[in-house]
Amino acid sequence: MWGWPEARILHFTLVNNSPYSIVGFWVAPANSDNWEENLMEGTSLAAGDSIEISFDNSSDTQWWNFRVKDGSGHVWTWEKNDYDLNQISQITYYYNNSGKGAINYK
């Protein structure tokens, strides 16, 4: 029987190892300028905490960009064609030695 394809849900853990809470987290397809909705809307992630993030990838996008807004008011963006959320299970946000927001992933 023909029908609509099932939605593809992506899951990962967002870890906050920065000194500030995370008040906004966005993902966008790597080839898009539209950041769409804040996946943390209505909540924040305290320093030292983690949260499970899930969202619908019905467009079957492979490569993603990330944006974080933290409690200091800074907004940091990572845009490169290297973030495959089909392969990433955890994203960790932290401040690097230069005092800038940074991420690593596994």
C-alpha atoms as a PDB file:
ATOM      1  CA  MET A   1       0.000   0.000   0.000  1.00  0.00           C
ATOM      2  CA  TRP A   2       1.274   3.458  -0.916  1.00  0.00           C
ATOM      3  CA  GLY A   3       1.467   6.108   1.722  1.00  0.00           C
ATOM      4  CA  TRP A   4       3.510   9.006   2.993  1.00  0.00           C
ATOM      5  CA  PRO A   5       7.064   8.182   4.054  1.00  0.00           C
ATOM      6  CA  GLU A   6       7.587   8.029   7.794  1.00  0.00           C
ATOM      7  CA  ALA A   7       9.183  11.100   9.350  1.00  0.00           C
ATOM      8  CA  ARG A   8      12.849  10.661  10.106  1.00  0.00           C
ATOM      9  CA  ILE A   9      13.658  11.747  13.633  1.00  0.00           C
ATOM     10  CA  LEU A  10      17.206  12.746  14.560  1.00  0.00           C
ATOM     11  CA  HIS A  11      18.389  12.407  18.175  1.00  0.00           C
ATOM     12  CA  PHE A  12      21.470  13.631  20.016  1.00  0.00           C
ATOM     13  CA  THR A  13      22.536  14.754  23.471  1.00  0.00           C
ATOM     14  CA  LEU A  14      23.449  18.405  23.976  1.00  0.00           C
ATOM     15  CA  VAL A  15      25.994  18.842  26.797  1.00  0.00           C
ATOM     16  CA  ASN A  16      26.737  22.256  28.298  1.00  0.00           C
ATOM     17  CA  ASN A  17      30.322  22.471  29.567  1.00  0.00           C
ATOM     18  CA  SER A  18      30.386  26.276  29.378  1.00  0.00           C
ATOM     19  CA  PRO A  19      30.191  28.665  32.337  1.00  0.00           C
ATOM     20  CA  TYR A  20      26.805  29.968  31.067  1.00  0.00           C
ATOM     21  CA  SER A  21      23.372  28.465  30.539  1.00  0.00           C
ATOM     22  CA  ILE A  22      22.306  27.718  26.959  1.00  0.00           C
ATOM     23  CA  VAL A  23      19.145  29.683  26.191  1.00  0.00           C
ATOM     24  CA  GLY A  24      18.899  28.931  22.468  1.00  0.00           C
ATOM     25  CA  PHE A  25      19.978  26.102  20.177  1.00  0.00           C
ATOM     26  CA  TRP A  26      19.240  25.963  16.466  1.00  0.00           C
ATOM     27  CA  VAL A  27      20.090  23.571  13.652  1.00  0.00           C
ATOM     28  CA  ALA A  28      19.821  24.365   9.956  1.00  0.00           C
ATOM     29  CA  PRO A  29      20.629  22.453   6.804  1.00  0.00           C
ATOM     30  CA  ALA A  30      24.179  23.339   5.730  1.00  0.00           C
ATOM     31  CA  ASN A  31      22.928  24.803   2.440  1.00  0.00           C
ATOM     32  CA  SER A  32      20.291  27.037   4.077  1.00  0.00           C
ATOM     33  CA  ASP A  33      20.276  30.518   5.607  1.00  0.00           C
ATOM     34  CA  ASN A  34      17.063  29.782   7.550  1.00  0.00           C
ATOM     35  CA  TRP A  35      17.649  28.839  11.206  1.00  0.00           C
ATOM     36  CA  GLU A  36      13.973  27.989  11.728  1.00  0.00           C
ATOM     37  CA  GLU A  37      12.891  27.213  15.302  1.00  0.00           C
ATOM     38  CA  ASN A  38      14.826  27.342  18.534  1.00  0.00           C
ATOM     39  CA  LEU A  39      15.007  23.705  19.691  1.00  0.00           C
ATOM     40  CA  MET A  40      15.388  24.970  23.289  1.00  0.00           C
ATOM     41  CA  GLU A  41      12.334  27.259  23.099  1.00  0.00           C
ATOM     42  CA  GLY A  42      10.844  27.794  26.545  1.00  0.00           C
ATOM     43  CA  THR A  43      13.712  26.145  28.422  1.00  0.00           C
ATOM     44  CA  SER A  44      17.377  26.623  29.177  1.00  0.00           C
ATOM     45  CA  LEU A  45      20.260  24.262  29.858  1.00  0.00           C
ATOM     46  CA  ALA A  46      22.300  25.100  32.952  1.00  0.00           C
ATOM     47  CA  ALA A  47      26.088  24.903  32.980  1.00  0.00           C
ATOM     48  CA  GLY A  48      27.137  21.289  33.573  1.00  0.00           C
ATOM     49  CA  ASP A  49      23.801  19.797  32.443  1.00  0.00           C
ATOM     50  CA  SER A  50      22.742  17.887  29.344  1.00  0.00           C
ATOM     51  CA  ILE A  51      19.484  17.385  27.457  1.00  0.00           C
ATOM     52  CA  GLU A  52      18.220  14.992  24.799  1.00  0.00           C
ATOM     53  CA  ILE A  53      17.287  16.773  21.565  1.00  0.00           C
ATOM     54  CA  SER A  54      15.055  15.242  18.882  1.00  0.00           C
ATOM     55  CA  PHE A  55      13.645  16.804  15.760  1.00  0.00           C
ATOM     56  CA  ASP A  56      12.006  15.817  12.493  1.00  0.00           C
ATOM     57  CA  ASN A  57      14.303  15.484   9.490  1.00  0.00           C
ATOM     58  CA  SER A  58      11.569  14.874   6.941  1.00  0.00           C
ATOM     59  CA  SER A  59      13.715  16.524   4.239  1.00  0.00           C
ATOM     60  CA  ASP A  60      16.356  13.800   4.847  1.00  0.00           C
ATOM     61  CA  THR A  61      19.124  16.395   5.222  1.00  0.00           C
ATOM     62  CA  GLN A  62      22.589  14.997   5.895  1.00  0.00           C
ATOM     63  CA  TRP A  63      24.753  18.058   6.667  1.00  0.00           C
ATOM     64  CA  TRP A  64      23.853  20.581   9.362  1.00  0.00           C
ATOM     65  CA  ASN A  65      24.958  23.890  10.887  1.00  0.00           C
ATOM     66  CA  PHE A  66      24.538  24.830  14.561  1.00  0.00           C
ATOM     67  CA  ARG A  67      23.866  28.033  16.475  1.00  0.00           C
ATOM     68  CA  VAL A  68      23.970  28.545  20.258  1.00  0.00           C
ATOM     69  CA  LYS A  69      22.867  31.517  22.320  1.00  0.00           C
ATOM     70  CA  ASP A  70      24.155  31.427  25.861  1.00  0.00           C
ATOM     71  CA  GLY A  71      23.266  33.273  29.049  1.00  0.00           C
ATOM     72  CA  SER A  72      26.065  35.811  28.481  1.00  0.00           C
ATOM     73  CA  GLY A  73      24.112  37.063  25.447  1.00  0.00           C
ATOM     74  CA  HIS A  74      26.642  35.733  22.937  1.00  0.00           C
ATOM     75  CA  VAL A  75      25.453  33.908  19.831  1.00  0.00           C
ATOM     76  CA  TRP A  76      27.932  31.470  18.296  1.00  0.00           C
ATOM     77  CA  THR A  77      27.495  29.820  14.892  1.00  0.00           C
ATOM     78  CA  TRP A  78      29.224  26.802  13.343  1.00  0.00           C
ATOM     79  CA  GLU A  79      28.772  26.470   9.613  1.00  0.00           C
ATOM     80  CA  LYS A  80      30.707  23.833   7.763  1.00  0.00           C
ATOM     81  CA  ASN A  81      29.737  20.899   5.645  1.00  0.00           C
ATOM     82  CA  ASP A  82      30.956  18.372   8.216  1.00  0.00           C
ATOM     83  CA  TYR A  83      28.200  17.917  10.798  1.00  0.00           C
ATOM     84  CA  ASP A  84      26.255  14.742   9.966  1.00  0.00           C
ATOM     85  CA  LEU A  85      23.563  14.256  12.612  1.00  0.00           C
ATOM     86  CA  ASN A  86      23.043  10.700  11.377  1.00  0.00           C
ATOM     87  CA  GLN A  87      26.515   9.992  12.811  1.00  0.00           C
ATOM     88  CA  ILE A  88      26.640  12.404  15.780  1.00  0.00           C
ATOM     89  CA  SER A  89      25.233  11.250  19.121  1.00  0.00           C
ATOM     90  CA  GLN A  90      26.537  14.061  21.336  1.00  0.00           C
ATOM     91  CA  ILE A  91      27.376  17.748  20.902  1.00  0.00           C
ATOM     92  CA  THR A  92      29.292  19.449  23.709  1.00  0.00           C
ATOM     93  CA  TYR A  93      29.295  23.241  24.015  1.00  0.00           C
ATOM     94  CA  TYR A  94      32.172  24.864  25.904  1.00  0.00           C
ATOM     95  CA  TYR A  95      34.379  27.956  26.002  1.00  0.00           C
ATOM     96  CA  ASN A  96      37.836  27.524  24.469  1.00  0.00           C
ATOM     97  CA  ASN A  97      41.132  29.039  25.672  1.00  0.00           C
ATOM     98  CA  SER A  98      40.450  32.159  23.580  1.00  0.00           C
ATOM     99  CA  GLY A  99      37.228  32.817  25.506  1.00  0.00           C
ATOM    100  CA  LYS A 100      34.950  31.907  22.584  1.00  0.00           C
ATOM    101  CA  GLY A 101      32.113  29.441  22.405  1.00  0.00           C
ATOM    102  CA  ALA A 102      33.105  26.158  20.791  1.00  0.00           C
ATOM    103  CA  ILE A 103      31.653  22.702  20.164  1.00  0.00           C
ATOM    104  CA  ASN A 104      32.951  19.215  19.813  1.00  0.00           C
ATOM    105  CA  TYR A 105      31.004  16.121  18.922  1.00  0.00           C
ATOM    106  CA  LYS A 106      31.117  12.374  18.844  1.00  0.00           C
END
